[in-house]
N, C-alpha and C. Protein backbone atom coordinates (compact mmCIF):
# COMPACT_ATOMS: atom_id res chain seq x y z
N MET A 1 140.25 114.12 149.48
CA MET A 1 140.67 114.03 148.09
C MET A 1 139.81 114.95 147.23
N LYS A 2 140.43 115.69 146.35
CA LYS A 2 139.65 116.66 145.57
C LYS A 2 138.86 116.02 144.45
N ASN A 3 139.23 114.81 144.00
CA ASN A 3 138.56 114.18 142.87
C ASN A 3 137.39 113.28 143.27
N ASP A 4 137.11 113.17 144.55
CA ASP A 4 136.03 112.30 144.99
C ASP A 4 134.69 112.62 144.33
N PRO A 5 134.28 113.89 144.20
CA PRO A 5 132.99 114.16 143.54
C PRO A 5 132.97 113.70 142.08
N ILE A 6 134.08 113.80 141.39
CA ILE A 6 134.14 113.36 139.99
C ILE A 6 134.01 111.85 139.91
N VAL A 7 134.74 111.15 140.76
CA VAL A 7 134.68 109.68 140.78
C VAL A 7 133.27 109.22 141.12
N PHE A 8 132.65 109.86 142.11
CA PHE A 8 131.30 109.49 142.49
C PHE A 8 130.32 109.74 141.34
N GLN A 9 130.42 110.89 140.69
CA GLN A 9 129.53 111.21 139.59
C GLN A 9 129.74 110.25 138.42
N ALA A 10 130.99 109.86 138.15
CA ALA A 10 131.27 108.90 137.07
C ALA A 10 130.66 107.54 137.40
N LYS A 11 130.72 107.15 138.67
CA LYS A 11 130.14 105.87 139.09
C LYS A 11 128.62 105.89 138.90
N ILE A 12 127.98 106.97 139.28
CA ILE A 12 126.52 107.10 139.11
C ILE A 12 126.16 107.06 137.63
N TYR A 13 126.93 107.77 136.80
CA TYR A 13 126.69 107.79 135.36
C TYR A 13 126.83 106.38 134.79
N GLY A 14 127.83 105.64 135.26
CA GLY A 14 128.01 104.25 134.82
C GLY A 14 126.82 103.37 135.20
N PHE A 15 126.30 103.55 136.41
CA PHE A 15 125.10 102.80 136.83
C PHE A 15 123.92 103.13 135.92
N ASP A 16 123.77 104.41 135.59
CA ASP A 16 122.68 104.82 134.70
C ASP A 16 122.81 104.14 133.33
N LEU A 17 124.04 104.06 132.81
CA LEU A 17 124.26 103.41 131.52
C LEU A 17 123.91 101.92 131.60
N ASP A 18 124.35 101.26 132.65
CA ASP A 18 124.04 99.83 132.82
C ASP A 18 122.54 99.59 132.92
N ASN A 19 121.86 100.40 133.73
CA ASN A 19 120.42 100.24 133.90
C ASN A 19 119.66 100.49 132.60
N CYS A 20 120.06 101.51 131.86
CA CYS A 20 119.40 101.83 130.60
C CYS A 20 119.62 100.72 129.58
N ALA A 21 120.83 100.18 129.54
CA ALA A 21 121.13 99.09 128.60
C ALA A 21 120.26 97.86 128.92
N ARG A 22 120.11 97.55 130.21
CA ARG A 22 119.25 96.43 130.60
C ARG A 22 117.79 96.71 130.25
N GLU A 23 117.35 97.91 130.54
CA GLU A 23 115.96 98.29 130.29
C GLU A 23 115.60 98.20 128.80
N PHE A 24 116.52 98.57 127.93
CA PHE A 24 116.25 98.56 126.50
C PHE A 24 116.76 97.31 125.79
N GLY A 25 117.20 96.33 126.56
CA GLY A 25 117.58 95.04 126.00
C GLY A 25 118.77 95.07 125.07
N PHE A 26 119.81 95.79 125.44
CA PHE A 26 121.02 95.82 124.62
C PHE A 26 121.60 94.42 124.51
N LYS A 27 122.03 94.06 123.32
CA LYS A 27 122.70 92.79 123.10
C LYS A 27 124.17 92.96 123.49
N PRO A 28 124.89 91.85 123.73
CA PRO A 28 126.29 91.97 124.15
C PRO A 28 127.17 92.78 123.19
N GLU A 29 126.88 92.73 121.90
CA GLU A 29 127.70 93.47 120.94
C GLU A 29 127.33 94.95 120.85
N GLU A 30 126.25 95.35 121.48
CA GLU A 30 125.85 96.76 121.47
C GLU A 30 126.58 97.50 122.59
N THR A 31 127.17 98.62 122.24
CA THR A 31 127.96 99.38 123.21
C THR A 31 127.55 100.84 123.19
N TRP A 32 127.95 101.54 124.21
CA TRP A 32 127.72 102.98 124.30
C TRP A 32 128.86 103.72 123.62
N GLU A 33 128.52 104.76 122.91
CA GLU A 33 129.49 105.68 122.33
C GLU A 33 129.46 106.94 123.18
N LEU A 34 130.61 107.42 123.60
CA LEU A 34 130.69 108.63 124.43
C LEU A 34 131.07 109.82 123.58
N SER A 35 130.49 110.96 123.93
CA SER A 35 130.78 112.19 123.21
C SER A 35 130.64 113.37 124.15
N LEU A 36 131.46 114.38 123.94
CA LEU A 36 131.28 115.65 124.64
C LEU A 36 130.50 116.54 123.70
N ALA A 37 129.55 117.28 124.25
CA ALA A 37 128.66 118.06 123.38
C ALA A 37 128.34 119.42 123.97
N SER A 38 128.13 120.36 123.06
CA SER A 38 127.61 121.67 123.44
C SER A 38 126.09 121.53 123.51
N ASN A 39 125.43 122.59 123.88
CA ASN A 39 123.96 122.56 123.98
C ASN A 39 123.32 122.23 122.62
N GLU A 40 123.84 122.81 121.54
CA GLU A 40 123.28 122.56 120.21
C GLU A 40 123.56 121.12 119.76
N GLU A 41 124.77 120.64 120.03
CA GLU A 41 125.12 119.26 119.66
C GLU A 41 124.28 118.26 120.45
N LYS A 42 123.99 118.58 121.70
CA LYS A 42 123.14 117.72 122.53
C LYS A 42 121.77 117.56 121.89
N SER A 43 121.19 118.67 121.47
CA SER A 43 119.88 118.63 120.83
C SER A 43 119.91 117.80 119.55
N ALA A 44 120.95 117.96 118.76
CA ALA A 44 121.08 117.21 117.51
C ALA A 44 121.21 115.71 117.78
N LEU A 45 122.01 115.34 118.77
CA LEU A 45 122.17 113.92 119.10
C LEU A 45 120.86 113.32 119.62
N GLU A 46 120.13 114.08 120.41
CA GLU A 46 118.85 113.59 120.95
C GLU A 46 117.83 113.36 119.84
N LYS A 47 117.93 114.10 118.74
CA LYS A 47 117.02 113.89 117.61
C LYS A 47 117.41 112.66 116.79
N LEU A 48 118.67 112.26 116.87
CA LEU A 48 119.16 111.13 116.07
C LEU A 48 119.07 109.78 116.78
N TYR A 49 119.34 109.74 118.08
CA TYR A 49 119.49 108.47 118.79
C TYR A 49 118.52 108.35 119.96
N PHE A 50 118.14 107.08 120.24
CA PHE A 50 117.34 106.77 121.42
C PHE A 50 117.65 105.35 121.83
N PRO A 51 117.96 105.07 123.06
CA PRO A 51 118.06 105.98 124.20
C PRO A 51 119.38 106.74 124.19
N ILE A 52 119.39 107.80 124.94
CA ILE A 52 120.59 108.62 125.09
C ILE A 52 120.66 109.10 126.53
N ILE A 53 121.83 109.05 127.10
CA ILE A 53 122.03 109.48 128.49
C ILE A 53 122.95 110.69 128.46
N SER A 54 122.52 111.78 129.07
CA SER A 54 123.35 112.98 129.09
C SER A 54 123.49 113.48 130.52
N ALA A 55 124.60 114.14 130.77
CA ALA A 55 124.85 114.76 132.07
C ALA A 55 125.56 116.08 131.83
N LYS A 56 125.02 117.12 132.44
CA LYS A 56 125.66 118.44 132.36
C LYS A 56 126.74 118.49 133.44
N ILE A 57 127.96 118.81 133.00
CA ILE A 57 129.10 118.75 133.90
C ILE A 57 129.93 120.02 133.73
N LEU A 58 130.49 120.49 134.82
CA LEU A 58 131.36 121.67 134.76
C LEU A 58 132.53 121.40 133.82
N PRO A 59 132.92 122.38 133.02
CA PRO A 59 134.03 122.19 132.08
C PRO A 59 135.31 121.67 132.73
N GLU A 60 135.58 122.11 133.97
CA GLU A 60 136.79 121.68 134.67
C GLU A 60 136.78 120.17 134.94
N MET A 61 135.60 119.60 135.05
CA MET A 61 135.46 118.19 135.40
C MET A 61 135.21 117.30 134.18
N LEU A 62 134.88 117.88 133.06
CA LEU A 62 134.41 117.12 131.90
C LEU A 62 135.45 116.16 131.34
N SER A 63 136.68 116.57 131.23
CA SER A 63 137.73 115.72 130.68
C SER A 63 137.97 114.50 131.56
N GLU A 64 138.07 114.72 132.85
CA GLU A 64 138.29 113.61 133.77
C GLU A 64 137.08 112.68 133.82
N MET A 65 135.89 113.26 133.78
CA MET A 65 134.67 112.45 133.77
C MET A 65 134.63 111.57 132.52
N PHE A 66 134.97 112.14 131.37
CA PHE A 66 135.02 111.39 130.12
C PHE A 66 135.98 110.21 130.25
N SER A 67 137.14 110.46 130.82
CA SER A 67 138.15 109.42 131.00
C SER A 67 137.67 108.32 131.94
N LEU A 68 137.09 108.70 133.06
CA LEU A 68 136.61 107.71 134.04
C LEU A 68 135.49 106.84 133.47
N VAL A 69 134.55 107.46 132.77
CA VAL A 69 133.44 106.68 132.19
C VAL A 69 133.96 105.78 131.07
N SER A 70 134.91 106.25 130.29
CA SER A 70 135.51 105.42 129.25
C SER A 70 136.16 104.18 129.86
N GLN A 71 136.87 104.38 130.97
CA GLN A 71 137.48 103.25 131.66
C GLN A 71 136.42 102.28 132.17
N LYS A 72 135.33 102.81 132.70
CA LYS A 72 134.25 101.97 133.22
C LYS A 72 133.64 101.13 132.11
N LEU A 73 133.56 101.71 130.91
CA LEU A 73 133.00 100.99 129.77
C LEU A 73 134.02 100.06 129.11
N ASN A 74 135.23 100.01 129.68
CA ASN A 74 136.30 99.17 129.15
C ASN A 74 136.64 99.50 127.71
N ARG A 75 136.57 100.78 127.37
CA ARG A 75 136.96 101.21 126.02
C ARG A 75 138.46 101.18 125.93
N VAL A 76 138.95 100.56 124.88
CA VAL A 76 140.39 100.53 124.64
C VAL A 76 140.75 101.80 123.90
N THR A 77 141.66 102.56 124.46
CA THR A 77 142.08 103.78 123.79
C THR A 77 143.47 103.57 123.22
N ASP A 78 143.64 103.98 121.98
CA ASP A 78 144.97 103.87 121.39
C ASP A 78 145.78 105.12 121.71
N ALA A 79 147.00 105.13 121.26
CA ALA A 79 147.91 106.23 121.59
C ALA A 79 147.44 107.57 121.03
N THR A 80 146.70 107.56 119.91
CA THR A 80 146.27 108.81 119.30
C THR A 80 145.03 109.38 119.96
N GLU A 81 144.28 108.55 120.68
CA GLU A 81 143.06 109.03 121.33
C GLU A 81 143.38 109.39 122.77
N LYS A 82 143.07 110.61 123.16
CA LYS A 82 143.28 111.01 124.53
C LYS A 82 142.11 111.89 124.95
N SER A 83 141.97 112.05 126.24
CA SER A 83 140.89 112.88 126.75
C SER A 83 141.11 114.32 126.31
N PRO A 84 140.05 115.02 125.96
CA PRO A 84 140.18 116.41 125.54
C PRO A 84 140.66 117.29 126.69
N ASP A 85 141.39 118.32 126.37
CA ASP A 85 141.88 119.20 127.42
C ASP A 85 140.85 120.29 127.72
N ILE A 86 141.03 120.90 128.88
CA ILE A 86 140.05 121.89 129.35
C ILE A 86 139.98 123.12 128.46
N ILE A 87 141.08 123.49 127.84
CA ILE A 87 141.08 124.66 126.95
C ILE A 87 140.19 124.40 125.74
N ALA A 88 140.32 123.22 125.14
CA ALA A 88 139.48 122.86 123.99
C ALA A 88 138.02 122.75 124.40
N ILE A 89 137.76 122.22 125.56
CA ILE A 89 136.38 122.08 126.05
C ILE A 89 135.73 123.45 126.20
N ARG A 90 136.44 124.37 126.80
CA ARG A 90 135.88 125.72 126.99
C ARG A 90 135.72 126.46 125.66
N ARG A 91 136.72 126.32 124.79
CA ARG A 91 136.66 127.01 123.50
C ARG A 91 135.48 126.52 122.66
N GLN A 92 135.17 125.24 122.75
CA GLN A 92 134.09 124.65 121.95
C GLN A 92 132.76 124.63 122.70
N ASN A 93 132.70 125.24 123.87
CA ASN A 93 131.49 125.33 124.69
C ASN A 93 130.88 123.97 125.02
N LYS A 94 131.72 123.00 125.30
CA LYS A 94 131.24 121.67 125.67
C LYS A 94 130.72 121.71 127.11
N GLU A 95 129.52 121.18 127.31
CA GLU A 95 128.92 121.18 128.64
C GLU A 95 128.40 119.81 129.04
N TYR A 96 128.22 118.90 128.10
CA TYR A 96 127.54 117.64 128.35
C TYR A 96 128.41 116.44 128.01
N LEU A 97 128.27 115.42 128.84
CA LEU A 97 128.79 114.11 128.50
C LEU A 97 127.60 113.31 127.98
N MET A 98 127.70 112.85 126.76
CA MET A 98 126.59 112.15 126.11
C MET A 98 126.98 110.70 125.85
N ALA A 99 126.06 109.79 126.08
CA ALA A 99 126.26 108.38 125.75
C ALA A 99 125.08 107.93 124.90
N PHE A 100 125.38 107.30 123.78
CA PHE A 100 124.34 106.80 122.90
C PHE A 100 124.85 105.56 122.19
N ASN A 101 123.92 104.78 121.66
CA ASN A 101 124.29 103.59 120.91
C ASN A 101 124.11 103.93 119.43
N PRO A 102 125.19 103.93 118.64
CA PRO A 102 125.06 104.32 117.22
C PRO A 102 124.20 103.38 116.40
N MET A 103 123.91 102.18 116.94
CA MET A 103 123.07 101.23 116.22
C MET A 103 121.57 101.46 116.48
N ARG A 104 121.25 102.33 117.42
CA ARG A 104 119.86 102.59 117.77
C ARG A 104 119.45 104.00 117.39
N MET A 105 119.11 104.13 116.14
CA MET A 105 118.67 105.43 115.63
C MET A 105 117.20 105.64 116.00
N ARG A 106 116.84 106.89 116.19
CA ARG A 106 115.45 107.26 116.48
C ARG A 106 114.66 107.14 115.18
N ASN A 107 113.47 106.61 115.27
CA ASN A 107 112.63 106.45 114.06
C ASN A 107 111.97 107.74 113.66
């Protein structure tokens, strides 16, 4: 199967999110927010939030990875929200899948 590496990487990323949430004592109402980011956006997010989990992923895999991790986090997506397409990802120089908790700002 050609998608096995993506599924495996999404599973590892999900484990990292669970472990980090336990380590930092996330409450049940605290959730991860997912974002695709360029190198500059990654730096900006890292200055704003802590903890933050990032993974550099090939543009071809980024959309599917975003979708798989969203499913793992049980995020409900409405009809207007869909995974970004590869053309938009490449045009915007997205390289990273970022997860952060918007309630945990860096001091």
